[in-house]
């Protein structure tokens, strides 16, 4: 799939702005994913990524032609604080997986991840015409789970004791949000204009394979 057929130039929220990543953002990725605390929350492997691994990941999954990965900037200062993405697009069934990393630890717990997630979910259901957005999260990442719940995700399952961290096993949770759930929540929110099928920012973009 050509990235430009389904990813926007930018999405503007209440607190963050999402934009396509620039090659210069690699330096931030190297710092984030070299941090043991960030890696603990984002990686199945125990320990930070090597520099060459980060470079390959950035080239293929962040600025690659088929990727849908957005840089998370603070709206008031334009500071780059993280990255979010859709992967594993299933055009036949209208689904995708969602990922987010807030790499700047001094911004954790301030609602920026929630705002970014809401923007991506809105784009999925109003522009991409998806039916389902899902994600995985480790059970010990309570802050992320709270943010996902605020964005409308619900726990739909768990892989029991799938992750080994700090001398014990933890569950990996699967969460998802469906289009009709998102539209219903929007209709119930005062001040949000909707039509019969839900709010729209424009005509849906057809999901086609490259």
C-alpha atoms as a PDB file:
ATOM      1  CA  UNK A   1       0.000   0.000   0.000  1.00  0.00           C
ATOM      2  CA  UNK A   2       1.231   3.455  -0.823  1.00  0.00           C
ATOM      3  CA  UNK A   3       1.568   5.422   2.408  1.00  0.00           C
ATOM      4  CA  UNK A   4       0.062   8.554   0.915  1.00  0.00           C
ATOM      5  CA  UNK A   5      -3.204   6.813   0.118  1.00  0.00           C
ATOM      6  CA  UNK A   6      -4.010   6.301   3.773  1.00  0.00           C
ATOM      7  CA  UNK A   7      -1.757   8.344   6.085  1.00  0.00           C
ATOM      8  CA  UNK A   8      -2.263  12.091   6.546  1.00  0.00           C
ATOM      9  CA  UNK A   9       0.314  14.849   6.545  1.00  0.00           C
ATOM     10  CA  UNK A  10      -0.777  15.754  10.065  1.00  0.00           C
ATOM     11  CA  UNK A  11      -3.509  15.347  12.660  1.00  0.00           C
ATOM     12  CA  UNK A  12      -4.210  18.103  15.198  1.00  0.00           C
ATOM     13  CA  UNK A  13      -5.565  17.348  18.661  1.00  0.00           C
ATOM     14  CA  UNK A  14      -6.234  19.312  21.806  1.00  0.00           C
ATOM     15  CA  UNK A  15      -2.724  18.835  23.177  1.00  0.00           C
ATOM     16  CA  UNK A  16      -0.626  17.182  20.479  1.00  0.00           C
ATOM     17  CA  UNK A  17      -0.001  17.377  16.755  1.00  0.00           C
ATOM     18  CA  UNK A  18       0.837  14.239  14.789  1.00  0.00           C
ATOM     19  CA  UNK A  19       3.056  14.600  11.734  1.00  0.00           C
ATOM     20  CA  UNK A  20       4.977  12.266   9.489  1.00  0.00           C
ATOM     21  CA  UNK A  21       8.423  11.500  10.776  1.00  0.00           C
ATOM     22  CA  UNK A  22      11.476  13.171   9.277  1.00  0.00           C
ATOM     23  CA  UNK A  23      14.808  11.318   8.862  1.00  0.00           C
ATOM     24  CA  UNK A  24      16.315  13.627  11.497  1.00  0.00           C
ATOM     25  CA  UNK A  25      14.062  12.021  14.120  1.00  0.00           C
ATOM     26  CA  UNK A  26      16.298   8.958  14.118  1.00  0.00           C
ATOM     27  CA  UNK A  27      18.439  10.546  16.830  1.00  0.00           C
ATOM     28  CA  UNK A  28      15.419  10.688  19.150  1.00  0.00           C
ATOM     29  CA  UNK A  29      14.558   7.047  18.419  1.00  0.00           C
ATOM     30  CA  UNK A  30      18.091   6.024  19.325  1.00  0.00           C
ATOM     31  CA  UNK A  31      17.792   7.803  22.664  1.00  0.00           C
ATOM     32  CA  UNK A  32      14.317   6.484  23.451  1.00  0.00           C
ATOM     33  CA  UNK A  33      14.902   2.844  22.595  1.00  0.00           C
ATOM     34  CA  UNK A  34      18.303   2.795  24.272  1.00  0.00           C
ATOM     35  CA  UNK A  35      16.575   3.684  27.550  1.00  0.00           C
ATOM     36  CA  UNK A  36      15.949   0.563  29.684  1.00  0.00           C
ATOM     37  CA  UNK A  37      12.753   2.003  31.159  1.00  0.00           C
ATOM     38  CA  UNK A  38      11.236   2.745  27.739  1.00  0.00           C
ATOM     39  CA  UNK A  39      12.346  -0.643  26.412  1.00  0.00           C
ATOM     40  CA  UNK A  40      10.773  -2.411  29.403  1.00  0.00           C
ATOM     41  CA  UNK A  41       7.351  -1.100  28.386  1.00  0.00           C
ATOM     42  CA  UNK A  42       7.640  -1.539  24.631  1.00  0.00           C
ATOM     43  CA  UNK A  43       9.801  -4.597  23.834  1.00  0.00           C
ATOM     44  CA  UNK A  44       9.176  -8.322  24.114  1.00  0.00           C
ATOM     45  CA  UNK A  45      12.918  -8.793  24.550  1.00  0.00           C
ATOM     46  CA  UNK A  46      14.376  -7.940  27.936  1.00  0.00           C
ATOM     47  CA  UNK A  47      16.726  -5.005  27.383  1.00  0.00           C
ATOM     48  CA  UNK A  48      17.225  -2.010  25.086  1.00  0.00           C
ATOM     49  CA  UNK A  49      17.598  -2.247  21.314  1.00  0.00           C
ATOM     50  CA  UNK A  50      21.045  -2.079  19.742  1.00  0.00           C
ATOM     51  CA  UNK A  51      21.829   0.994  17.675  1.00  0.00           C
ATOM     52  CA  UNK A  52      21.880  -0.976  14.418  1.00  0.00           C
ATOM     53  CA  UNK A  53      18.490  -2.520  15.287  1.00  0.00           C
ATOM     54  CA  UNK A  54      17.030   0.931  15.849  1.00  0.00           C
ATOM     55  CA  UNK A  55      18.396   2.147  12.517  1.00  0.00           C
ATOM     56  CA  UNK A  56      16.832  -0.786  10.638  1.00  0.00           C
ATOM     57  CA  UNK A  57      13.525  -0.383  12.473  1.00  0.00           C
ATOM     58  CA  UNK A  58      13.436   3.350  11.751  1.00  0.00           C
ATOM     59  CA  UNK A  59      14.187   2.897   8.037  1.00  0.00           C
ATOM     60  CA  UNK A  60      11.604   0.150   7.503  1.00  0.00           C
ATOM     61  CA  UNK A  61       8.828   0.853   9.987  1.00  0.00           C
ATOM     62  CA  UNK A  62       8.970   4.604  10.602  1.00  0.00           C
ATOM     63  CA  UNK A  63       9.889   6.354   7.352  1.00  0.00           C
ATOM     64  CA  UNK A  64       9.410   3.399   4.999  1.00  0.00           C
ATOM     65  CA  UNK A  65       7.154   3.926   1.980  1.00  0.00           C
ATOM     66  CA  UNK A  66       4.478   1.535   3.261  1.00  0.00           C
ATOM     67  CA  UNK A  67       4.495   2.604   6.897  1.00  0.00           C
ATOM     68  CA  UNK A  68       1.895   4.662   8.750  1.00  0.00           C
ATOM     69  CA  UNK A  69       3.930   6.061  11.616  1.00  0.00           C
ATOM     70  CA  UNK A  70       3.388   9.552  13.019  1.00  0.00           C
ATOM     71  CA  UNK A  71       5.602  11.732  15.187  1.00  0.00           C
ATOM     72  CA  UNK A  72       3.912  13.012  18.365  1.00  0.00           C
ATOM     73  CA  UNK A  73       4.624  16.710  18.950  1.00  0.00           C
ATOM     74  CA  UNK A  74       3.353  18.919  21.752  1.00  0.00           C
ATOM     75  CA  UNK A  75       0.897  21.375  20.287  1.00  0.00           C
ATOM     76  CA  UNK A  76       2.058  24.375  22.329  1.00  0.00           C
ATOM     77  CA  UNK A  77       5.818  23.998  21.786  1.00  0.00           C
ATOM     78  CA  UNK A  78       6.224  21.564  18.834  1.00  0.00           C
ATOM     79  CA  UNK A  79       8.495  19.416  21.007  1.00  0.00           C
ATOM     80  CA  UNK A  80       8.864  15.852  19.694  1.00  0.00           C
ATOM     81  CA  UNK A  81       7.917  13.448  22.496  1.00  0.00           C
ATOM     82  CA  UNK A  82       7.012  10.144  20.861  1.00  0.00           C
ATOM     83  CA  UNK A  83       5.718   8.084  17.987  1.00  0.00           C
ATOM     84  CA  UNK A  84       2.517   6.214  17.119  1.00  0.00           C
ATOM     85  CA  UNK A  85       1.605   3.888  14.278  1.00  0.00           C
ATOM     86  CA  UNK A  86      -0.790   1.509  12.591  1.00  0.00           C
ATOM     87  CA  UNK A  87       0.538  -1.820  11.363  1.00  0.00           C
ATOM     88  CA  UNK A  88      -0.787  -5.095   9.936  1.00  0.00           C
ATOM     89  CA  UNK A  89      -3.550  -3.437   7.969  1.00  0.00           C
ATOM     90  CA  UNK A  90      -6.116  -6.028   6.939  1.00  0.00           C
ATOM     91  CA  UNK A  91      -8.065  -4.342   4.155  1.00  0.00           C
ATOM     92  CA  UNK A  92     -10.392  -7.319   3.656  1.00  0.00           C
ATOM     93  CA  UNK A  93     -11.585  -7.260   7.259  1.00  0.00           C
ATOM     94  CA  UNK A  94     -11.104  -3.565   8.028  1.00  0.00           C
ATOM     95  CA  UNK A  95      -8.683  -3.915  10.919  1.00  0.00           C
ATOM     96  CA  UNK A  96      -5.293  -2.679  12.050  1.00  0.00           C
ATOM     97  CA  UNK A  97      -2.952  -2.853  15.039  1.00  0.00           C
ATOM     98  CA  UNK A  98      -2.086   0.306  16.953  1.00  0.00           C
ATOM     99  CA  UNK A  99       1.230   1.136  18.629  1.00  0.00           C
ATOM    100  CA  UNK A 100       2.434   4.152  20.602  1.00  0.00           C
ATOM    101  CA  UNK A 101       5.614   5.084  22.439  1.00  0.00           C
ATOM    102  CA  UNK A 102       5.982   8.291  24.428  1.00  0.00           C
ATOM    103  CA  UNK A 103       9.744   8.442  24.670  1.00  0.00           C
ATOM    104  CA  UNK A 104      10.176  11.639  26.678  1.00  0.00           C
ATOM    105  CA  UNK A 105       9.702  10.381  30.229  1.00  0.00           C
ATOM    106  CA  UNK A 106       9.078  13.812  31.755  1.00  0.00           C
ATOM    107  CA  UNK A 107       5.837  13.962  29.710  1.00  0.00           C
ATOM    108  CA  UNK A 108       4.481  10.619  30.966  1.00  0.00           C
ATOM    109  CA  UNK A 109       1.130  10.665  32.730  1.00  0.00           C
ATOM    110  CA  UNK A 110       0.029  14.040  31.340  1.00  0.00           C
ATOM    111  CA  UNK A 111      -2.542  12.889  28.798  1.00  0.00           C
ATOM    112  CA  UNK A 112      -0.457  13.307  25.655  1.00  0.00           C
ATOM    113  CA  UNK A 113      -0.601   9.622  24.779  1.00  0.00           C
ATOM    114  CA  UNK A 114      -4.375   9.607  25.235  1.00  0.00           C
ATOM    115  CA  UNK A 115      -4.765  12.599  22.925  1.00  0.00           C
ATOM    116  CA  UNK A 116      -2.547  11.016  20.257  1.00  0.00           C
ATOM    117  CA  UNK A 117      -4.447   7.739  20.497  1.00  0.00           C
ATOM    118  CA  UNK A 118      -7.806   9.476  20.117  1.00  0.00           C
ATOM    119  CA  UNK A 119      -6.545  11.206  16.962  1.00  0.00           C
ATOM    120  CA  UNK A 120      -5.380   7.948  15.427  1.00  0.00           C
ATOM    121  CA  UNK A 121      -8.607   6.141  16.273  1.00  0.00           C
ATOM    122  CA  UNK A 122     -10.685   8.983  14.825  1.00  0.00           C
ATOM    123  CA  UNK A 123      -8.646   8.823  11.631  1.00  0.00           C
ATOM    124  CA  UNK A 124      -9.120   5.050  11.470  1.00  0.00           C
ATOM    125  CA  UNK A 125     -12.907   5.241  11.702  1.00  0.00           C
ATOM    126  CA  UNK A 126     -13.637   8.427   9.771  1.00  0.00           C
ATOM    127  CA  UNK A 127     -11.008   8.451   7.012  1.00  0.00           C
ATOM    128  CA  UNK A 128      -9.817   4.881   6.620  1.00  0.00           C
ATOM    129  CA  UNK A 129     -13.257   3.356   7.158  1.00  0.00           C
ATOM    130  CA  UNK A 130     -11.830   0.645   9.406  1.00  0.00           C
ATOM    131  CA  UNK A 131     -14.045  -1.588  11.527  1.00  0.00           C
ATOM    132  CA  UNK A 132     -11.605  -2.550  14.298  1.00  0.00           C
ATOM    133  CA  UNK A 133      -8.419  -1.214  15.865  1.00  0.00           C
ATOM    134  CA  UNK A 134      -6.566  -3.495  18.278  1.00  0.00           C
ATOM    135  CA  UNK A 135      -3.422  -3.359  20.394  1.00  0.00           C
ATOM    136  CA  UNK A 136      -1.369  -5.360  22.870  1.00  0.00           C
ATOM    137  CA  UNK A 137      -0.073  -4.092  26.195  1.00  0.00           C
ATOM    138  CA  UNK A 138       1.806  -5.670  29.084  1.00  0.00           C
ATOM    139  CA  UNK A 139      -0.266  -5.969  32.267  1.00  0.00           C
ATOM    140  CA  UNK A 140       2.309  -4.085  34.344  1.00  0.00           C
ATOM    141  CA  UNK A 141       1.979  -1.005  32.095  1.00  0.00           C
ATOM    142  CA  UNK A 142      -0.948   0.378  34.081  1.00  0.00           C
ATOM    143  CA  UNK A 143      -0.482   3.940  32.840  1.00  0.00           C
ATOM    144  CA  UNK A 144      -0.857   2.855  29.215  1.00  0.00           C
ATOM    145  CA  UNK A 145      -3.901   0.724  30.012  1.00  0.00           C
ATOM    146  CA  UNK A 146      -5.609   3.722  31.619  1.00  0.00           C
ATOM    147  CA  UNK A 147      -4.844   5.853  28.553  1.00  0.00           C
ATOM    148  CA  UNK A 148      -6.246   3.220  26.188  1.00  0.00           C
ATOM    149  CA  UNK A 149      -9.429   2.936  28.250  1.00  0.00           C
ATOM    150  CA  UNK A 150      -9.864   6.712  28.085  1.00  0.00           C
ATOM    151  CA  UNK A 151      -9.620   6.472  24.300  1.00  0.00           C
ATOM    152  CA  UNK A 152     -12.390   3.846  24.239  1.00  0.00           C
ATOM    153  CA  UNK A 153     -10.456   0.568  24.104  1.00  0.00           C
ATOM    154  CA  UNK A 154     -11.690  -2.427  26.092  1.00  0.00           C
ATOM    155  CA  UNK A 155      -9.840  -5.552  27.199  1.00  0.00           C
ATOM    156  CA  UNK A 156     -10.927  -8.476  25.035  1.00  0.00           C
ATOM    157  CA  UNK A 157      -8.423 -11.120  26.083  1.00  0.00           C
ATOM    158  CA  UNK A 158      -5.076 -11.949  27.606  1.00  0.00           C
ATOM    159  CA  UNK A 159      -2.113 -14.178  27.008  1.00  0.00           C
ATOM    160  CA  UNK A 160      -1.451 -15.529  30.462  1.00  0.00           C
ATOM    161  CA  UNK A 161       2.055 -15.147  31.885  1.00  0.00           C
ATOM    162  CA  UNK A 162       3.496 -14.347  28.457  1.00  0.00           C
ATOM    163  CA  UNK A 163       6.130 -11.797  29.523  1.00  0.00           C
ATOM    164  CA  UNK A 164       9.046 -12.292  31.922  1.00  0.00           C
ATOM    165  CA  UNK A 165      10.025  -9.105  33.736  1.00  0.00           C
ATOM    166  CA  UNK A 166      11.656  -8.391  37.110  1.00  0.00           C
ATOM    167  CA  UNK A 167      11.783 -12.015  38.147  1.00  0.00           C
ATOM    168  CA  UNK A 168       8.171 -12.987  37.399  1.00  0.00           C
ATOM    169  CA  UNK A 169       5.743 -13.650  34.573  1.00  0.00           C
ATOM    170  CA  UNK A 170       3.110 -11.112  33.511  1.00  0.00           C
ATOM    171  CA  UNK A 171       0.039 -11.318  31.287  1.00  0.00           C
ATOM    172  CA  UNK A 172      -0.119  -9.591  27.917  1.00  0.00           C
ATOM    173  CA  UNK A 173      -3.510  -7.938  27.367  1.00  0.00           C
ATOM    174  CA  UNK A 174      -5.284  -7.542  24.034  1.00  0.00           C
ATOM    175  CA  UNK A 175      -7.494  -4.466  23.759  1.00  0.00           C
ATOM    176  CA  UNK A 176      -9.648  -3.209  20.913  1.00  0.00           C
ATOM    177  CA  UNK A 177     -12.209  -0.640  19.850  1.00  0.00           C
ATOM    178  CA  UNK A 178     -14.864  -1.135  17.165  1.00  0.00           C
ATOM    179  CA  UNK A 179     -16.205   1.486  14.791  1.00  0.00           C
ATOM    180  CA  UNK A 180     -19.788   1.335  16.093  1.00  0.00           C
ATOM    181  CA  UNK A 181     -18.540   1.722  19.676  1.00  0.00           C
ATOM    182  CA  UNK A 182     -16.532   4.786  18.744  1.00  0.00           C
ATOM    183  CA  UNK A 183     -19.424   6.384  16.835  1.00  0.00           C
ATOM    184  CA  UNK A 184     -21.839   5.686  19.699  1.00  0.00           C
ATOM    185  CA  UNK A 185     -19.479   7.334  22.170  1.00  0.00           C
ATOM    186  CA  UNK A 186     -19.148  10.351  19.882  1.00  0.00           C
ATOM    187  CA  UNK A 187     -22.919  10.690  19.562  1.00  0.00           C
ATOM    188  CA  UNK A 188     -23.182  10.656  23.347  1.00  0.00           C
ATOM    189  CA  UNK A 189     -20.606  13.433  23.728  1.00  0.00           C
ATOM    190  CA  UNK A 190     -22.144  16.939  23.985  1.00  0.00           C
ATOM    191  CA  UNK A 191     -21.048  19.334  21.247  1.00  0.00           C
ATOM    192  CA  UNK A 192     -19.928  16.647  18.788  1.00  0.00           C
ATOM    193  CA  UNK A 193     -21.748  16.852  15.471  1.00  0.00           C
ATOM    194  CA  UNK A 194     -22.603  13.525  13.874  1.00  0.00           C
ATOM    195  CA  UNK A 195     -24.658  12.189  11.021  1.00  0.00           C
ATOM    196  CA  UNK A 196     -26.613   8.956  10.954  1.00  0.00           C
ATOM    197  CA  UNK A 197     -23.509   6.836  10.606  1.00  0.00           C
ATOM    198  CA  UNK A 198     -21.269   8.869  12.898  1.00  0.00           C
ATOM    199  CA  UNK A 199     -19.007  11.914  12.685  1.00  0.00           C
ATOM    200  CA  UNK A 200     -16.994  12.485   9.541  1.00  0.00           C
ATOM    201  CA  UNK A 201     -13.931  14.507   8.680  1.00  0.00           C
ATOM    202  CA  UNK A 202     -14.265  13.725   4.980  1.00  0.00           C
ATOM    203  CA  UNK A 203     -15.014  10.905   2.603  1.00  0.00           C
ATOM    204  CA  UNK A 204     -13.502   7.555   3.639  1.00  0.00           C
ATOM    205  CA  UNK A 205     -10.309   6.570   1.879  1.00  0.00           C
ATOM    206  CA  UNK A 206     -10.726   3.189   0.119  1.00  0.00           C
ATOM    207  CA  UNK A 207      -8.374   0.578   1.506  1.00  0.00           C
ATOM    208  CA  UNK A 208      -6.560  -1.017  -1.417  1.00  0.00           C
ATOM    209  CA  UNK A 209      -3.458  -3.117  -1.609  1.00  0.00           C
ATOM    210  CA  UNK A 210      -0.377  -1.981  -3.499  1.00  0.00           C
END
